Structure formats: structure tokens, C-alpha cells
Amino acid sequence: MQDKTYKLIELVGVSATSMEDAIQNAIGRANQTLKNLDWFELVEARGLIQDGKVGQYQVKLKVGFRLMG
């Protein structure tokens, strides 16, 4: 079994429609510039209130990716 080492970063994803979309937006954007994304952890969820309604969903994620050997 090969040992693995991970780098951990924090991301904030944003969406006007849902928490799930905010997560997908953050992971999708990270995937454009990082390789070997393996896992994420939802750390925090919050939102923006506009005119008495939810205007924006925001999620903070920890994302782990394998360092290349």
C-alpha cells in the first residue's frame, strides 16, 4: 500500500440557488487549477439575506488533494 500525503486548503463556495450548488461551485472551480482532489469537509454554512429572503448561500469547505510524488 502506497503512503499518501495531502495538502489541505479552505474554499468558500457561493450560489444563489442552494448549498449543494455552492459546494459544487467551489469544487468545480478548484478542479480547474488543482490536481488530485480527493475529499472535502463542510466546515461552515451561512447565507446572505436580501429583502427578507435568502439571497445567497455560502459554504466554507476544507479540501484535500494528494501531493504528487
PDB file of N, CA and C in Angstrom:
ATOM      1  N   MET A   1       0.835  -1.178   0.000  1.00  0.00           N
ATOM      2  CA  MET A   1       0.000   0.000   0.000  1.00  0.00           C
ATOM      3  C   MET A   1       0.885   1.249   0.000  1.00  0.00           C
ATOM      4  N   GLN A   2       0.573   2.174  -0.867  1.00  0.00           N
ATOM      5  CA  GLN A   2       1.364   3.394  -1.010  1.00  0.00           C
ATOM      6  C   GLN A   2       0.930   4.440   0.025  1.00  0.00           C
ATOM      7  N   ASP A   3       1.918   5.061   0.681  1.00  0.00           N
ATOM      8  CA  ASP A   3       1.610   6.152   1.597  1.00  0.00           C
ATOM      9  C   ASP A   3       1.212   7.373   0.793  1.00  0.00           C
ATOM     10  N   LYS A   4       0.322   8.174   1.359  1.00  0.00           N
ATOM     11  CA  LYS A   4      -0.148   9.375   0.683  1.00  0.00           C
ATOM     12  C   LYS A   4       0.034  10.574   1.594  1.00  0.00           C
ATOM     13  N   THR A   5       0.334  11.711   1.005  1.00  0.00           N
ATOM     14  CA  THR A   5       0.415  12.966   1.731  1.00  0.00           C
ATOM     15  C   THR A   5      -0.532  13.944   1.065  1.00  0.00           C
ATOM     16  N   TYR A   6      -1.286  14.677   1.894  1.00  0.00           N
ATOM     17  CA  TYR A   6      -2.289  15.590   1.385  1.00  0.00           C
ATOM     18  C   TYR A   6      -1.970  17.029   1.744  1.00  0.00           C
ATOM     19  N   LYS A   7      -2.364  17.929   0.890  1.00  0.00           N
ATOM     20  CA  LYS A   7      -2.360  19.363   1.161  1.00  0.00           C
ATOM     21  C   LYS A   7      -3.803  19.728   1.453  1.00  0.00           C
ATOM     22  N   LEU A   8      -4.007  20.582   2.450  1.00  0.00           N
ATOM     23  CA  LEU A   8      -5.351  20.984   2.864  1.00  0.00           C
ATOM     24  C   LEU A   8      -5.510  22.472   2.627  1.00  0.00           C
ATOM     25  N   ILE A   9      -6.592  22.850   1.933  1.00  0.00           N
ATOM     26  CA  ILE A   9      -6.895  24.253   1.698  1.00  0.00           C
ATOM     27  C   ILE A   9      -8.334  24.540   2.111  1.00  0.00           C
ATOM     28  N   GLU A  10      -8.655  25.804   2.292  1.00  0.00           N
ATOM     29  CA  GLU A  10     -10.026  26.213   2.569  1.00  0.00           C
ATOM     30  C   GLU A  10     -10.569  26.988   1.381  1.00  0.00           C
ATOM     31  N   LEU A  11     -11.815  26.719   1.061  1.00  0.00           N
ATOM     32  CA  LEU A  11     -12.512  27.399  -0.024  1.00  0.00           C
ATOM     33  C   LEU A  11     -13.854  27.893   0.475  1.00  0.00           C
ATOM     34  N   VAL A  12     -14.354  28.942  -0.132  1.00  0.00           N
ATOM     35  CA  VAL A  12     -15.719  29.401   0.119  1.00  0.00           C
ATOM     36  C   VAL A  12     -16.460  29.349  -1.206  1.00  0.00           C
ATOM     37  N   GLY A  13     -17.517  28.560  -1.249  1.00  0.00           N
ATOM     38  CA  GLY A  13     -18.359  28.461  -2.437  1.00  0.00           C
ATOM     39  C   GLY A  13     -19.608  29.286  -2.247  1.00  0.00           C
ATOM     40  N   VAL A  14     -20.104  29.848  -3.343  1.00  0.00           N
ATOM     41  CA  VAL A  14     -21.255  30.736  -3.299  1.00  0.00           C
ATOM     42  C   VAL A  14     -22.250  30.326  -4.377  1.00  0.00           C
ATOM     43  N   SER A  15     -23.539  30.424  -4.055  1.00  0.00           N
ATOM     44  CA  SER A  15     -24.589  30.158  -5.032  1.00  0.00           C
ATOM     45  C   SER A  15     -25.841  30.939  -4.655  1.00  0.00           C
ATOM     46  N   ALA A  16     -26.590  31.333  -5.652  1.00  0.00           N
ATOM     47  CA  ALA A  16     -27.870  31.994  -5.413  1.00  0.00           C
ATOM     48  C   ALA A  16     -28.998  30.982  -5.255  1.00  0.00           C
ATOM     49  N   THR A  17     -28.735  29.691  -5.537  1.00  0.00           N
ATOM     50  CA  THR A  17     -29.824  28.716  -5.552  1.00  0.00           C
ATOM     51  C   THR A  17     -29.837  27.712  -4.396  1.00  0.00           C
ATOM     52  N   SER A  18     -28.645  27.217  -3.962  1.00  0.00           N
ATOM     53  CA  SER A  18     -28.663  26.199  -2.905  1.00  0.00           C
ATOM     54  C   SER A  18     -27.273  25.977  -2.310  1.00  0.00           C
ATOM     55  N   MET A  19     -27.253  25.339  -1.145  1.00  0.00           N
ATOM     56  CA  MET A  19     -25.985  24.952  -0.517  1.00  0.00           C
ATOM     57  C   MET A  19     -25.243  23.942  -1.396  1.00  0.00           C
ATOM     58  N   GLU A  20     -25.987  23.000  -1.964  1.00  0.00           N
ATOM     59  CA  GLU A  20     -25.369  21.995  -2.815  1.00  0.00           C
ATOM     60  C   GLU A  20     -24.675  22.641  -4.019  1.00  0.00           C
ATOM     61  N   ASP A  21     -25.324  23.630  -4.619  1.00  0.00           N
ATOM     62  CA  ASP A  21     -24.707  24.334  -5.745  1.00  0.00           C
ATOM     63  C   ASP A  21     -23.477  25.111  -5.296  1.00  0.00           C
ATOM     64  N   ALA A  22     -23.512  25.668  -4.104  1.00  0.00           N
ATOM     65  CA  ALA A  22     -22.351  26.394  -3.582  1.00  0.00           C
ATOM     66  C   ALA A  22     -21.165  25.438  -3.417  1.00  0.00           C
ATOM     67  N   ILE A  23     -21.427  24.228  -2.926  1.00  0.00           N
ATOM     68  CA  ILE A  23     -20.367  23.216  -2.798  1.00  0.00           C
ATOM     69  C   ILE A  23     -19.833  22.852  -4.180  1.00  0.00           C
ATOM     70  N   GLN A  24     -20.732  22.572  -5.120  1.00  0.00           N
ATOM     71  CA  GLN A  24     -20.313  22.204  -6.480  1.00  0.00           C
ATOM     72  C   GLN A  24     -19.508  23.322  -7.140  1.00  0.00           C
ATOM     73  N   ASN A  25     -19.903  24.573  -6.908  1.00  0.00           N
ATOM     74  CA  ASN A  25     -19.176  25.704  -7.488  1.00  0.00           C
ATOM     75  C   ASN A  25     -17.747  25.774  -6.961  1.00  0.00           C
ATOM     76  N   ALA A  26     -17.584  25.582  -5.657  1.00  0.00           N
ATOM     77  CA  ALA A  26     -16.247  25.633  -5.060  1.00  0.00           C
ATOM     78  C   ALA A  26     -15.372  24.486  -5.564  1.00  0.00           C
ATOM     79  N   ILE A  27     -15.913  23.274  -5.577  1.00  0.00           N
ATOM     80  CA  ILE A  27     -15.145  22.112  -6.027  1.00  0.00           C
ATOM     81  C   ILE A  27     -14.840  22.218  -7.522  1.00  0.00           C
ATOM     82  N   GLY A  28     -15.810  22.640  -8.306  1.00  0.00           N
ATOM     83  CA  GLY A  28     -15.611  22.770  -9.745  1.00  0.00           C
ATOM     84  C   GLY A  28     -14.533  23.777 -10.083  1.00  0.00           C
ATOM     85  N   ARG A  29     -14.532  24.896  -9.384  1.00  0.00           N
ATOM     86  CA  ARG A  29     -13.510  25.925  -9.638  1.00  0.00           C
ATOM     87  C   ARG A  29     -12.133  25.431  -9.212  1.00  0.00           C
ATOM     88  N   ALA A  30     -12.031  24.792  -8.051  1.00  0.00           N
ATOM     89  CA  ALA A  30     -10.746  24.260  -7.586  1.00  0.00           C
ATOM     90  C   ALA A  30     -10.216  23.220  -8.559  1.00  0.00           C
ATOM     91  N   ASN A  31     -11.101  22.424  -9.129  1.00  0.00           N
ATOM     92  CA  ASN A  31     -10.709  21.373 -10.060  1.00  0.00           C
ATOM     93  C   ASN A  31     -10.088  21.927 -11.345  1.00  0.00           C
ATOM     94  N   GLN A  32     -10.335  23.195 -11.649  1.00  0.00           N
ATOM     95  CA  GLN A  32      -9.756  23.816 -12.841  1.00  0.00           C
ATOM     96  C   GLN A  32      -8.258  24.090 -12.677  1.00  0.00           C
ATOM     97  N   THR A  33      -7.803  24.245 -11.426  1.00  0.00           N
ATOM     98  CA  THR A  33      -6.403  24.619 -11.213  1.00  0.00           C
ATOM     99  C   THR A  33      -5.617  23.639 -10.342  1.00  0.00           C
ATOM    100  N   LEU A  34      -6.289  22.722  -9.672  1.00  0.00           N
ATOM    101  CA  LEU A  34      -5.615  21.772  -8.795  1.00  0.00           C
ATOM    102  C   LEU A  34      -5.810  20.351  -9.307  1.00  0.00           C
ATOM    103  N   LYS A  35      -4.821  19.500  -9.061  1.00  0.00           N
ATOM    104  CA  LYS A  35      -4.924  18.097  -9.446  1.00  0.00           C
ATOM    105  C   LYS A  35      -5.088  17.237  -8.202  1.00  0.00           C
ATOM    106  N   ASN A  36      -5.615  16.057  -8.406  1.00  0.00           N
ATOM    107  CA  ASN A  36      -5.724  15.032  -7.361  1.00  0.00           C
ATOM    108  C   ASN A  36      -6.632  15.422  -6.199  1.00  0.00           C
ATOM    109  N   LEU A  37      -7.703  16.172  -6.469  1.00  0.00           N
ATOM    110  CA  LEU A  37      -8.675  16.460  -5.411  1.00  0.00           C
ATOM    111  C   LEU A  37      -9.286  15.140  -4.961  1.00  0.00           C
ATOM    112  N   ASP A  38      -9.278  14.900  -3.658  1.00  0.00           N
ATOM    113  CA  ASP A  38      -9.770  13.613  -3.146  1.00  0.00           C
ATOM    114  C   ASP A  38     -10.970  13.726  -2.215  1.00  0.00           C
ATOM    115  N   TRP A  39     -11.049  14.784  -1.426  1.00  0.00           N
ATOM    116  CA  TRP A  39     -12.122  14.833  -0.431  1.00  0.00           C
ATOM    117  C   TRP A  39     -12.390  16.272  -0.019  1.00  0.00           C
ATOM    118  N   PHE A  40     -13.564  16.471   0.591  1.00  0.00           N
ATOM    119  CA  PHE A  40     -13.879  17.770   1.170  1.00  0.00           C
ATOM    120  C   PHE A  40     -14.646  17.577   2.470  1.00  0.00           C
ATOM    121  N   GLU A  41     -14.597  18.595   3.297  1.00  0.00           N
ATOM    122  CA  GLU A  41     -15.328  18.613   4.561  1.00  0.00           C
ATOM    123  C   GLU A  41     -16.059  19.943   4.641  1.00  0.00           C
ATOM    124  N   LEU A  42     -17.369  19.895   4.873  1.00  0.00           N
ATOM    125  CA  LEU A  42     -18.152  21.108   5.051  1.00  0.00           C
ATOM    126  C   LEU A  42     -17.883  21.646   6.448  1.00  0.00           C
ATOM    127  N   VAL A  43     -17.306  22.839   6.528  1.00  0.00           N
ATOM    128  CA  VAL A  43     -16.899  23.417   7.801  1.00  0.00           C
ATOM    129  C   VAL A  43     -17.950  24.390   8.326  1.00  0.00           C
ATOM    130  N   GLU A  44     -18.535  25.148   7.413  1.00  0.00           N
ATOM    131  CA  GLU A  44     -19.432  26.224   7.835  1.00  0.00           C
ATOM    132  C   GLU A  44     -20.442  26.485   6.723  1.00  0.00           C
ATOM    133  N   ALA A  45     -21.655  26.810   7.113  1.00  0.00           N
ATOM    134  CA  ALA A  45     -22.687  27.189   6.147  1.00  0.00           C
ATOM    135  C   ALA A  45     -23.336  28.478   6.640  1.00  0.00           C
ATOM    136  N   ARG A  46     -23.515  29.399   5.716  1.00  0.00           N
ATOM    137  CA  ARG A  46     -24.144  30.667   6.059  1.00  0.00           C
ATOM    138  C   ARG A  46     -24.811  31.209   4.801  1.00  0.00           C
ATOM    139  N   GLY A  47     -25.482  32.335   4.949  1.00  0.00           N
ATOM    140  CA  GLY A  47     -26.145  32.926   3.796  1.00  0.00           C
ATOM    141  C   GLY A  47     -26.283  34.420   3.939  1.00  0.00           C
ATOM    142  N   LEU A  48     -26.709  35.015   2.866  1.00  0.00           N
ATOM    143  CA  LEU A  48     -26.937  36.447   2.795  1.00  0.00           C
ATOM    144  C   LEU A  48     -28.435  36.678   2.687  1.00  0.00           C
ATOM    145  N   ILE A  49     -28.949  37.563   3.507  1.00  0.00           N
ATOM    146  CA  ILE A  49     -30.375  37.889   3.479  1.00  0.00           C
ATOM    147  C   ILE A  49     -30.552  39.178   2.696  1.00  0.00           C
ATOM    148  N   GLN A  50     -31.433  39.133   1.699  1.00  0.00           N
ATOM    149  CA  GLN A  50     -31.745  40.299   0.896  1.00  0.00           C
ATOM    150  C   GLN A  50     -33.255  40.459   0.819  1.00  0.00           C
ATOM    151  N   ASP A  51     -33.739  41.601   1.247  1.00  0.00           N
ATOM    152  CA  ASP A  51     -35.179  41.893   1.232  1.00  0.00           C
ATOM    153  C   ASP A  51     -35.990  40.822   1.957  1.00  0.00           C
ATOM    154  N   GLY A  52     -35.462  40.331   3.077  1.00  0.00           N
ATOM    155  CA  GLY A  52     -36.183  39.360   3.896  1.00  0.00           C
ATOM    156  C   GLY A  52     -36.175  37.945   3.355  1.00  0.00           C
ATOM    157  N   LYS A  53     -35.380  37.672   2.323  1.00  0.00           N
ATOM    158  CA  LYS A  53     -35.302  36.333   1.725  1.00  0.00           C
ATOM    159  C   LYS A  53     -33.833  35.922   1.595  1.00  0.00           C
ATOM    160  N   VAL A  54     -33.629  34.632   1.418  1.00  0.00           N
ATOM    161  CA  VAL A  54     -32.266  34.149   1.187  1.00  0.00           C
ATOM    162  C   VAL A  54     -31.834  34.617  -0.197  1.00  0.00           C
ATOM    163  N   GLY A  55     -30.773  35.414  -0.228  1.00  0.00           N
ATOM    164  CA  GLY A  55     -30.269  35.926  -1.496  1.00  0.00           C
ATOM    165  C   GLY A  55     -29.048  35.179  -1.989  1.00  0.00           C
ATOM    166  N   GLN A  56     -28.337  34.533  -1.058  1.00  0.00           N
ATOM    167  CA  GLN A  56     -27.112  33.842  -1.435  1.00  0.00           C
ATOM    168  C   GLN A  56     -26.750  32.818  -0.370  1.00  0.00           C
ATOM    169  N   TYR A  57     -26.313  31.653  -0.819  1.00  0.00           N
ATOM    170  CA  TYR A  57     -25.811  30.611   0.063  1.00  0.00           C
ATOM    171  C   TYR A  57     -24.290  30.630   0.002  1.00  0.00           C
ATOM    172  N   GLN A  58     -23.657  30.470   1.162  1.00  0.00           N
ATOM    173  CA  GLN A  58     -22.201  30.461   1.238  1.00  0.00           C
ATOM    174  C   GLN A  58     -21.770  29.264   2.084  1.00  0.00           C
ATOM    175  N   VAL A  59     -20.785  28.538   1.605  1.00  0.00           N
ATOM    176  CA  VAL A  59     -20.255  27.389   2.347  1.00  0.00           C
ATOM    177  C   VAL A  59     -18.746  27.485   2.431  1.00  0.00           C
ATOM    178  N   LYS A  60     -18.213  27.140   3.589  1.00  0.00           N
ATOM    179  CA  LYS A  60     -16.757  27.048   3.746  1.00  0.00           C
ATOM    180  C   LYS A  60     -16.397  25.574   3.762  1.00  0.00           C
ATOM    181  N   LEU A  61     -15.442  25.206   2.913  1.00  0.00           N
ATOM    182  CA  LEU A  61     -15.018  23.815   2.781  1.00  0.00           C
ATOM    183  C   LEU A  61     -13.534  23.691   3.072  1.00  0.00           C
ATOM    184  N   LYS A  62     -13.154  22.572   3.652  1.00  0.00           N
ATOM    185  CA  LYS A  62     -11.759  22.147   3.657  1.00  0.00           C
ATOM    186  C   LYS A  62     -11.653  21.117   2.540  1.00  0.00           C
ATOM    187  N   VAL A  63     -10.668  21.294   1.685  1.00  0.00           N
ATOM    188  CA  VAL A  63     -10.492  20.404   0.548  1.00  0.00           C
ATOM    189  C   VAL A  63      -9.098  19.801   0.620  1.00  0.00           C
ATOM    190  N   GLY A  64      -9.028  18.492   0.467  1.00  0.00           N
ATOM    191  CA  GLY A  64      -7.743  17.799   0.493  1.00  0.00           C
ATOM    192  C   GLY A  64      -7.388  17.280  -0.894  1.00  0.00           C
ATOM    193  N   PHE A  65      -6.123  17.476  -1.262  1.00  0.00           N
ATOM    194  CA  PHE A  65      -5.651  16.895  -2.510  1.00  0.00           C
ATOM    195  C   PHE A  65      -4.285  16.276  -2.289  1.00  0.00           C
ATOM    196  N   ARG A  66      -4.051  15.166  -3.006  1.00  0.00           N
ATOM    197  CA  ARG A  66      -2.816  14.401  -2.874  1.00  0.00           C
ATOM    198  C   ARG A  66      -1.657  15.154  -3.498  1.00  0.00           C
ATOM    199  N   LEU A  67      -0.546  15.201  -2.777  1.00  0.00           N
ATOM    200  CA  LEU A  67       0.675  15.754  -3.340  1.00  0.00           C
ATOM    201  C   LEU A  67       1.309  14.708  -4.239  1.00  0.00           C
ATOM    202  N   MET A  68       1.768  15.154  -5.373  1.00  0.00           N
ATOM    203  CA  MET A  68       2.354  14.233  -6.342  1.00  0.00           C
ATOM    204  C   MET A  68       3.777  13.874  -5.933  1.00  0.00           C
ATOM    205  N   GLY A  69       4.143  12.613  -6.118  1.00  0.00           N
ATOM    206  CA  GLY A  69       5.453  12.132  -5.711  1.00  0.00           C
ATOM    207  C   GLY A  69       6.448  12.331  -6.751  1.00  0.00           C
TER     208      GLY A  69
END
